[in-house]
Every structure is written in structure tokens, then in C-alpha cells.
PDB file of N, CA and C in Angstrom:
ATOM      1  N   MET A   1     111.527 144.904 101.944  1.00  0.00           N
ATOM      2  CA  MET A   1     111.092 145.766 100.860  1.00  0.00           C
ATOM      3  C   MET A   1     109.579 145.857 101.794  1.00  0.00           C
ATOM      4  N   ASP A   2     109.206 146.904 101.578  1.00  0.00           N
ATOM      5  CA  ASP A   2     107.514 147.228 102.059  1.00  0.00           C
ATOM      6  C   ASP A   2     106.447 146.672 101.131  1.00  0.00           C
ATOM      7  N   TYR A   3     105.539 146.349 101.898  1.00  0.00           N
ATOM      8  CA  TYR A   3     104.530 145.803 101.232  1.00  0.00           C
ATOM      9  C   TYR A   3     102.547 146.288 101.535  1.00  0.00           C
ATOM     10  N   THR A   4     101.960 146.611 100.530  1.00  0.00           N
ATOM     11  CA  THR A   4     100.811 147.241 100.808  1.00  0.00           C
ATOM     12  C   THR A   4      99.446 146.019 101.155  1.00  0.00           C
ATOM     13  N   VAL A   5      98.728 146.224 102.218  1.00  0.00           N
ATOM     14  CA  VAL A   5      97.549 145.298 101.764  1.00  0.00           C
ATOM     15  C   VAL A   5      96.650 146.502 101.727  1.00  0.00           C
ATOM     16  N   TYR A   6      95.759 145.884 100.890  1.00  0.00           N
ATOM     17  CA  TYR A   6      94.462 147.051 100.336  1.00  0.00           C
ATOM     18  C   TYR A   6      93.570 146.144  99.731  1.00  0.00           C
ATOM     19  N   ILE A   7      92.695 146.838 100.272  1.00  0.00           N
ATOM     20  CA  ILE A   7      91.157 146.510  99.832  1.00  0.00           C
ATOM     21  C   ILE A   7      90.438 147.771  98.743  1.00  0.00           C
ATOM     22  N   LEU A   8      89.735 147.336  97.514  1.00  0.00           N
ATOM     23  CA  LEU A   8      88.948 147.750  97.012  1.00  0.00           C
ATOM     24  C   LEU A   8      87.479 147.680  97.283  1.00  0.00           C
ATOM     25  N   TYR A   9      86.967 148.686  96.952  1.00  0.00           N
ATOM     26  CA  TYR A   9      85.351 148.349  96.558  1.00  0.00           C
ATOM     27  C   TYR A   9      84.836 149.065  95.348  1.00  0.00           C
ATOM     28  N   SER A  10      83.781 148.061  95.037  1.00  0.00           N
ATOM     29  CA  SER A  10      83.503 148.419  93.561  1.00  0.00           C
ATOM     30  C   SER A  10      81.656 148.559  93.727  1.00  0.00           C
ATOM     31  N   GLN A  11      81.399 150.128  93.452  1.00  0.00           N
ATOM     32  CA  GLN A  11      80.016 150.496  93.698  1.00  0.00           C
ATOM     33  C   GLN A  11      79.199 149.516  92.899  1.00  0.00           C
ATOM     34  N   LYS A  12      79.614 149.610  91.331  1.00  0.00           N
ATOM     35  CA  LYS A  12      79.037 148.760  90.200  1.00  0.00           C
ATOM     36  C   LYS A  12      78.797 147.039  90.698  1.00  0.00           C
ATOM     37  N   ARG A  13      79.714 146.758  91.464  1.00  0.00           N
ATOM     38  CA  ARG A  13      79.060 145.316  91.781  1.00  0.00           C
ATOM     39  C   ARG A  13      79.037 144.926  93.265  1.00  0.00           C
ATOM     40  N   SER A  14      78.998 146.129  94.010  1.00  0.00           N
ATOM     41  CA  SER A  14      79.093 146.095  95.435  1.00  0.00           C
ATOM     42  C   SER A  14      79.757 144.958  96.316  1.00  0.00           C
ATOM     43  N   ARG A  15      81.237 144.935  95.661  1.00  0.00           N
ATOM     44  CA  ARG A  15      81.845 143.998  96.180  1.00  0.00           C
ATOM     45  C   ARG A  15      83.043 144.628  96.276  1.00  0.00           C
ATOM     46  N   TYR A  16      84.060 143.694  97.354  1.00  0.00           N
ATOM     47  CA  TYR A  16      85.189 144.122  97.994  1.00  0.00           C
ATOM     48  C   TYR A  16      86.265 143.321  97.210  1.00  0.00           C
ATOM     49  N   TYR A  17      87.676 143.905  97.116  1.00  0.00           N
ATOM     50  CA  TYR A  17      88.831 142.665  97.004  1.00  0.00           C
ATOM     51  C   TYR A  17      90.092 142.905  97.551  1.00  0.00           C
ATOM     52  N   VAL A  18      90.394 142.416  98.065  1.00  0.00           N
ATOM     53  CA  VAL A  18      91.305 142.265  99.269  1.00  0.00           C
ATOM     54  C   VAL A  18      92.664 141.844  98.266  1.00  0.00           C
ATOM     55  N   GLY A  19      93.971 142.399  98.432  1.00  0.00           N
ATOM     56  CA  GLY A  19      95.230 142.093  97.572  1.00  0.00           C
ATOM     57  C   GLY A  19      96.389 142.755  98.503  1.00  0.00           C
ATOM     58  N   GLN A  20      97.334 142.659  97.797  1.00  0.00           N
ATOM     59  CA  GLN A  20      98.905 142.766  98.877  1.00  0.00           C
ATOM     60  C   GLN A  20      99.699 143.267  97.236  1.00  0.00           C
ATOM     61  N   THR A  21     100.655 144.117  97.784  1.00  0.00           N
ATOM     62  CA  THR A  21     101.645 144.520  96.282  1.00  0.00           C
ATOM     63  C   THR A  21     102.391 145.410  96.843  1.00  0.00           C
ATOM     64  N   ASP A  22     103.635 145.406  96.176  1.00  0.00           N
ATOM     65  CA  ASP A  22     104.771 146.495  96.828  1.00  0.00           C
ATOM     66  C   ASP A  22     104.688 147.593  96.122  1.00  0.00           C
ATOM     67  N   ASN A  23     103.742 147.721  95.228  1.00  0.00           N
ATOM     68  CA  ASN A  23     103.710 149.458  94.585  1.00  0.00           C
ATOM     69  C   ASN A  23     101.794 149.781  94.133  1.00  0.00           C
ATOM     70  N   ILE A  24     101.424 150.180  94.885  1.00  0.00           N
ATOM     71  CA  ILE A  24      99.994 150.098  95.250  1.00  0.00           C
ATOM     72  C   ILE A  24      98.997 151.394  94.346  1.00  0.00           C
ATOM     73  N   GLU A  25     100.112 152.309  93.971  1.00  0.00           N
ATOM     74  CA  GLU A  25      99.468 153.082  92.986  1.00  0.00           C
ATOM     75  C   GLU A  25      99.907 152.258  91.677  1.00  0.00           C
ATOM     76  N   SER A  26     100.871 151.749  91.279  1.00  0.00           N
ATOM     77  CA  SER A  26     100.373 151.160  90.042  1.00  0.00           C
ATOM     78  C   SER A  26      99.390 149.770  89.902  1.00  0.00           C
ATOM     79  N   ARG A  27      99.478 149.248  90.726  1.00  0.00           N
ATOM     80  CA  ARG A  27      98.063 147.974  91.033  1.00  0.00           C
ATOM     81  C   ARG A  27      97.131 148.629  91.063  1.00  0.00           C
ATOM     82  N   LEU A  28      96.577 149.744  91.552  1.00  0.00           N
ATOM     83  CA  LEU A  28      95.304 150.576  91.505  1.00  0.00           C
ATOM     84  C   LEU A  28      95.031 151.089  89.743  1.00  0.00           C
ATOM     85  N   ILE A  29      96.216 151.250  89.562  1.00  0.00           N
ATOM     86  CA  ILE A  29      95.982 151.667  87.617  1.00  0.00           C
ATOM     87  C   ILE A  29      95.247 150.570  87.081  1.00  0.00           C
ATOM     88  N   ARG A  30      95.996 149.546  87.361  1.00  0.00           N
ATOM     89  CA  ARG A  30      95.954 147.889  86.747  1.00  0.00           C
ATOM     90  C   ARG A  30      94.550 147.452  87.117  1.00  0.00           C
ATOM     91  N   HIS A  31      93.933 147.548  88.455  1.00  0.00           N
ATOM     92  CA  HIS A  31      92.740 147.092  88.448  1.00  0.00           C
ATOM     93  C   HIS A  31      91.305 148.240  87.670  1.00  0.00           C
ATOM     94  N   ASN A  32      92.065 149.421  87.576  1.00  0.00           N
ATOM     95  CA  ASN A  32      91.215 150.133  87.164  1.00  0.00           C
ATOM     96  C   ASN A  32      91.143 150.122  85.764  1.00  0.00           C
ATOM     97  N   LYS A  33      92.263 149.624  84.871  1.00  0.00           N
ATOM     98  CA  LYS A  33      92.403 149.504  83.850  1.00  0.00           C
ATOM     99  C   LYS A  33      91.733 148.490  82.834  1.00  0.00           C
ATOM    100  N   GLY A  34      91.001 147.518  83.849  1.00  0.00           N
ATOM    101  CA  GLY A  34      90.914 145.950  83.805  1.00  0.00           C
ATOM    102  C   GLY A  34      91.892 145.353  83.267  1.00  0.00           C
ATOM    103  N   LEU A  35      92.991 145.340  83.623  1.00  0.00           N
ATOM    104  CA  LEU A  35      94.219 144.587  83.635  1.00  0.00           C
ATOM    105  C   LEU A  35      94.103 143.194  84.211  1.00  0.00           C
ATOM    106  N   VAL A  36      93.450 143.281  85.033  1.00  0.00           N
ATOM    107  CA  VAL A  36      93.253 142.248  86.258  1.00  0.00           C
ATOM    108  C   VAL A  36      92.218 141.189  86.042  1.00  0.00           C
ATOM    109  N   ALA A  37      92.098 140.268  85.689  1.00  0.00           N
ATOM    110  CA  ALA A  37      91.233 139.080  85.330  1.00  0.00           C
ATOM    111  C   ALA A  37      89.984 139.423  86.683  1.00  0.00           C
ATOM    112  N   SER A  38      90.637 138.990  87.621  1.00  0.00           N
ATOM    113  CA  SER A  38      89.863 139.254  89.227  1.00  0.00           C
ATOM    114  C   SER A  38      88.848 140.086  89.282  1.00  0.00           C
ATOM    115  N   THR A  39      89.216 141.302  88.691  1.00  0.00           N
ATOM    116  CA  THR A  39      88.752 142.735  89.148  1.00  0.00           C
ATOM    117  C   THR A  39      88.079 143.410  87.765  1.00  0.00           C
ATOM    118  N   LYS A  40      88.581 142.606  86.537  1.00  0.00           N
ATOM    119  CA  LYS A  40      87.836 143.552  85.603  1.00  0.00           C
ATOM    120  C   LYS A  40      86.256 144.053  85.259  1.00  0.00           C
ATOM    121  N   ALA A  41      85.741 142.959  85.884  1.00  0.00           N
ATOM    122  CA  ALA A  41      84.233 143.561  85.513  1.00  0.00           C
ATOM    123  C   ALA A  41      83.644 144.280  86.376  1.00  0.00           C
ATOM    124  N   GLY A  42      84.453 144.746  87.691  1.00  0.00           N
ATOM    125  CA  GLY A  42      83.782 145.796  88.884  1.00  0.00           C
ATOM    126  C   GLY A  42      84.613 146.994  88.697  1.00  0.00           C
ATOM    127  N   THR A  43      85.169 147.490  87.867  1.00  0.00           N
ATOM    128  CA  THR A  43      85.435 148.555  87.476  1.00  0.00           C
ATOM    129  C   THR A  43      84.863 149.802  87.272  1.00  0.00           C
ATOM    130  N   PRO A  44      84.816 150.708  87.769  1.00  0.00           N
ATOM    131  CA  PRO A  44      86.072 151.329  88.959  1.00  0.00           C
ATOM    132  C   PRO A  44      86.158 150.894  90.247  1.00  0.00           C
ATOM    133  N   TRP A  45      87.044 150.942  90.461  1.00  0.00           N
ATOM    134  CA  TRP A  45      87.274 150.067  91.817  1.00  0.00           C
ATOM    135  C   TRP A  45      88.167 151.301  92.678  1.00  0.00           C
ATOM    136  N   ASN A  46      87.447 151.410  93.869  1.00  0.00           N
ATOM    137  CA  ASN A  46      87.572 152.600  95.014  1.00  0.00           C
ATOM    138  C   ASN A  46      88.672 151.911  96.152  1.00  0.00           C
ATOM    139  N   LEU A  47      89.759 152.547  96.486  1.00  0.00           N
ATOM    140  CA  LEU A  47      90.535 152.314  97.306  1.00  0.00           C
ATOM    141  C   LEU A  47      90.098 152.613  98.742  1.00  0.00           C
ATOM    142  N   VAL A  48      89.969 151.415  99.790  1.00  0.00           N
ATOM    143  CA  VAL A  48      89.201 151.842 100.976  1.00  0.00           C
ATOM    144  C   VAL A  48      89.642 151.554 101.879  1.00  0.00           C
ATOM    145  N   PHE A  49      90.745 150.995 102.058  1.00  0.00           N
ATOM    146  CA  PHE A  49      91.686 150.490 103.124  1.00  0.00           C
ATOM    147  C   PHE A  49      93.093 150.441 102.709  1.00  0.00           C
ATOM    148  N   THR A  50      94.174 150.385 103.227  1.00  0.00           N
ATOM    149  CA  THR A  50      95.448 150.184 103.342  1.00  0.00           C
ATOM    150  C   THR A  50      96.087 149.958 104.213  1.00  0.00           C
ATOM    151  N   GLN A  51      97.141 149.333 104.540  1.00  0.00           N
ATOM    152  CA  GLN A  51      98.056 149.096 105.521  1.00  0.00           C
ATOM    153  C   GLN A  51      99.171 148.593 105.175  1.00  0.00           C
ATOM    154  N   ASN A  52     100.236 149.223 105.462  1.00  0.00           N
ATOM    155  CA  ASN A  52     101.894 148.967 105.340  1.00  0.00           C
ATOM    156  C   ASN A  52     102.441 147.860 105.926  1.00  0.00           C
ATOM    157  N   VAL A  53     102.953 146.795 105.337  1.00  0.00           N
ATOM    158  CA  VAL A  53     103.571 145.835 106.719  1.00  0.00           C
ATOM    159  C   VAL A  53     104.952 145.618 105.796  1.00  0.00           C
ATOM    160  N   LYS A  54     105.755 145.051 106.468  1.00  0.00           N
ATOM    161  CA  LYS A  54     107.364 144.953 106.557  1.00  0.00           C
ATOM    162  C   LYS A  54     107.563 144.126 105.164  1.00  0.00           C
ATOM    163  N   ASN A  55     107.259 143.123 105.160  1.00  0.00           N
ATOM    164  CA  ASN A  55     107.420 142.187 104.042  1.00  0.00           C
ATOM    165  C   ASN A  55     105.978 141.295 103.298  1.00  0.00           C
ATOM    166  N   ARG A  56     106.874 140.686 102.600  1.00  0.00           N
ATOM    167  CA  ARG A  56     106.050 139.953 101.707  1.00  0.00           C
ATOM    168  C   ARG A  56     104.811 138.915 102.264  1.00  0.00           C
ATOM    169  N   SER A  57     105.802 138.199 103.247  1.00  0.00           N
ATOM    170  CA  SER A  57     104.926 137.049 104.452  1.00  0.00           C
ATOM    171  C   SER A  57     103.886 137.988 104.800  1.00  0.00           C
ATOM    172  N   GLU A  58     104.592 139.323 105.690  1.00  0.00           N
ATOM    173  CA  GLU A  58     103.672 139.541 106.924  1.00  0.00           C
ATOM    174  C   GLU A  58     102.006 140.002 105.873  1.00  0.00           C
ATOM    175  N   ALA A  59     102.542 140.557 105.096  1.00  0.00           N
ATOM    176  CA  ALA A  59     101.228 140.875 103.882  1.00  0.00           C
ATOM    177  C   ALA A  59     100.459 139.758 103.456  1.00  0.00           C
ATOM    178  N   LEU A  60     100.934 138.447 103.333  1.00  0.00           N
ATOM    179  CA  LEU A  60     100.216 137.444 102.869  1.00  0.00           C
ATOM    180  C   LEU A  60      99.216 137.014 104.130  1.00  0.00           C
ATOM    181  N   ILE A  61      99.816 137.016 105.549  1.00  0.00           N
ATOM    182  CA  ILE A  61      99.106 136.485 106.747  1.00  0.00           C
ATOM    183  C   ILE A  61      98.200 137.430 106.542  1.00  0.00           C
ATOM    184  N   LEU A  62      98.263 139.153 106.760  1.00  0.00           N
ATOM    185  CA  LEU A  62      97.001 139.448 106.908  1.00  0.00           C
ATOM    186  C   LEU A  62      95.996 139.676 105.796  1.00  0.00           C
ATOM    187  N   ASP A  63      96.831 139.338 104.273  1.00  0.00           N
ATOM    188  CA  ASP A  63      95.664 139.209 103.508  1.00  0.00           C
ATOM    189  C   ASP A  63      94.819 138.081 104.070  1.00  0.00           C
ATOM    190  N   LYS A  64      95.265 137.226 104.315  1.00  0.00           N
ATOM    191  CA  LYS A  64      94.439 136.087 104.800  1.00  0.00           C
ATOM    192  C   LYS A  64      93.630 136.072 105.798  1.00  0.00           C
ATOM    193  N   LYS A  65      94.016 136.777 106.739  1.00  0.00           N
ATOM    194  CA  LYS A  65      92.989 137.065 107.803  1.00  0.00           C
ATOM    195  C   LYS A  65      91.822 138.078 107.185  1.00  0.00           C
ATOM    196  N   ILE A  66      92.161 139.051 106.971  1.00  0.00           N
ATOM    197  CA  ILE A  66      91.026 139.895 106.085  1.00  0.00           C
ATOM    198  C   ILE A  66      89.985 139.343 105.286  1.00  0.00           C
ATOM    199  N   LYS A  67      90.467 138.308 104.119  1.00  0.00           N
ATOM    200  CA  LYS A  67      89.730 137.706 103.588  1.00  0.00           C
ATOM    201  C   LYS A  67      88.643 136.506 104.474  1.00  0.00           C
ATOM    202  N   LYS A  68      89.487 136.210 105.588  1.00  0.00           N
ATOM    203  CA  LYS A  68      88.656 135.085 106.299  1.00  0.00           C
ATOM    204  C   LYS A  68      87.814 135.706 107.295  1.00  0.00           C
ATOM    205  N   ARG A  69      87.834 137.055 107.767  1.00  0.00           N
ATOM    206  CA  ARG A  69      86.772 137.645 108.270  1.00  0.00           C
ATOM    207  C   ARG A  69      85.953 138.304 107.564  1.00  0.00           C
ATOM    208  N   GLY A  70      86.166 138.991 106.649  1.00  0.00           N
ATOM    209  CA  GLY A  70      85.403 139.609 105.439  1.00  0.00           C
ATOM    210  C   GLY A  70      85.613 140.944 105.204  1.00  0.00           C
ATOM    211  N   ALA A  71      86.008 141.630 103.780  1.00  0.00           N
ATOM    212  CA  ALA A  71      86.619 142.708 104.123  1.00  0.00           C
ATOM    213  C   ALA A  71      85.762 143.649 104.553  1.00  0.00           C
ATOM    214  N   LYS A  72      84.358 143.761 104.282  1.00  0.00           N
ATOM    215  CA  LYS A  72      83.680 144.639 105.027  1.00  0.00           C
ATOM    216  C   LYS A  72      83.526 144.818 106.399  1.00  0.00           C
ATOM    217  N   ARG A  73      83.384 143.391 106.948  1.00  0.00           N
ATOM    218  CA  ARG A  73      83.346 143.080 108.091  1.00  0.00           C
ATOM    219  C   ARG A  73      84.806 143.934 109.015  1.00  0.00           C
ATOM    220  N   TYR A  74      85.727 143.571 108.461  1.00  0.00           N
ATOM    221  CA  TYR A  74      87.359 143.577 109.117  1.00  0.00           C
ATOM    222  C   TYR A  74      87.106 145.657 108.967  1.00  0.00           C
ATOM    223  N   ILE A  75      87.097 145.536 108.131  1.00  0.00           N
ATOM    224  CA  ILE A  75      86.807 147.494 107.952  1.00  0.00           C
ATOM    225  C   ILE A  75      85.865 147.916 109.175  1.00  0.00           C
ATOM    226  N   GLU A  76      84.687 147.364 109.345  1.00  0.00           N
ATOM    227  CA  GLU A  76      83.487 147.990 109.994  1.00  0.00           C
ATOM    228  C   GLU A  76      84.016 147.774 111.845  1.00  0.00           C
ATOM    229  N   ASP A  77      84.962 146.617 111.714  1.00  0.00           N
ATOM    230  CA  ASP A  77      85.298 146.173 113.068  1.00  0.00           C
ATOM    231  C   ASP A  77      86.581 147.064 113.388  1.00  0.00           C
ATOM    232  N   ASN A  78      87.019 147.463 112.973  1.00  0.00           N
ATOM    233  CA  ASN A  78      88.409 148.201 113.021  1.00  0.00           C
ATOM    234  C   ASN A  78      88.690 149.438 112.820  1.00  0.00           C
ATOM    235  N   GLN A  79      87.466 149.785 111.800  1.00  0.00           N
ATOM    236  CA  GLN A  79      87.561 151.245 111.799  1.00  0.00           C
ATOM    237  C   GLN A  79      88.104 151.962 111.065  1.00  0.00           C
ATOM    238  N   PHE A  80      88.854 150.809 109.747  1.00  0.00           N
ATOM    239  CA  PHE A  80      90.126 151.306 109.030  1.00  0.00           C
ATOM    240  C   PHE A  80      89.360 152.437 108.081  1.00  0.00           C
ATOM    241  N   GLY A  81      90.296 153.026 107.546  1.00  0.00           N
ATOM    242  CA  GLY A  81      89.668 153.544 106.007  1.00  0.00           C
ATOM    243  C   GLY A  81      91.198 154.026 105.425  1.00  0.00           C
ATOM    244  N   VAL A  82      91.052 154.737 104.181  1.00  0.00           N
ATOM    245  CA  VAL A  82      92.142 155.265 103.767  1.00  0.00           C
ATOM    246  C   VAL A  82      92.066 156.773 104.040  1.00  0.00           C
TER     247      VAL A  82
END
């Protein structure tokens, strides 16, 4: 099953959020409806990066790598974007 690692940005809070999911459209809706406790205060969130991987294990590895590097720095260093 394909998974997507994603980075969201909240202009309201000037913060990034890194996550992974098997349904990016549904997950983004949940974030922006305030249904995810860790992102509720930052709505609305903009999707600024996605990368598809083969499975959840790969998604978790990439998620950890991005968080360790820092989402903003990871995007800038790799010039990724949606």
C-alpha cells in the first residue's frame, strides 16, 4: 500500500507539521477541520510538500529524517514542493 509523507505549513502560527498517511486528501481535510489535536491551533494548513513511498515503514523512516533535519530546512535543501 502506498503512503505519503507530507509537510504542512500554518501561516497563522509560522509553523510546519510533518506527517504520513495512506490518504492525503482525507488527512488534509481532518487537519483543516481541527480534528487533529496537534494541528488544531494552526488552521488553515497549506500542503507544501509530498513524497510517495511504498509502505508505512518507509514513510516512518522519511518522516523521522525530515523531523530530524527540520521541515523548512529539508524543503529548502532539496527544493521540494507540491
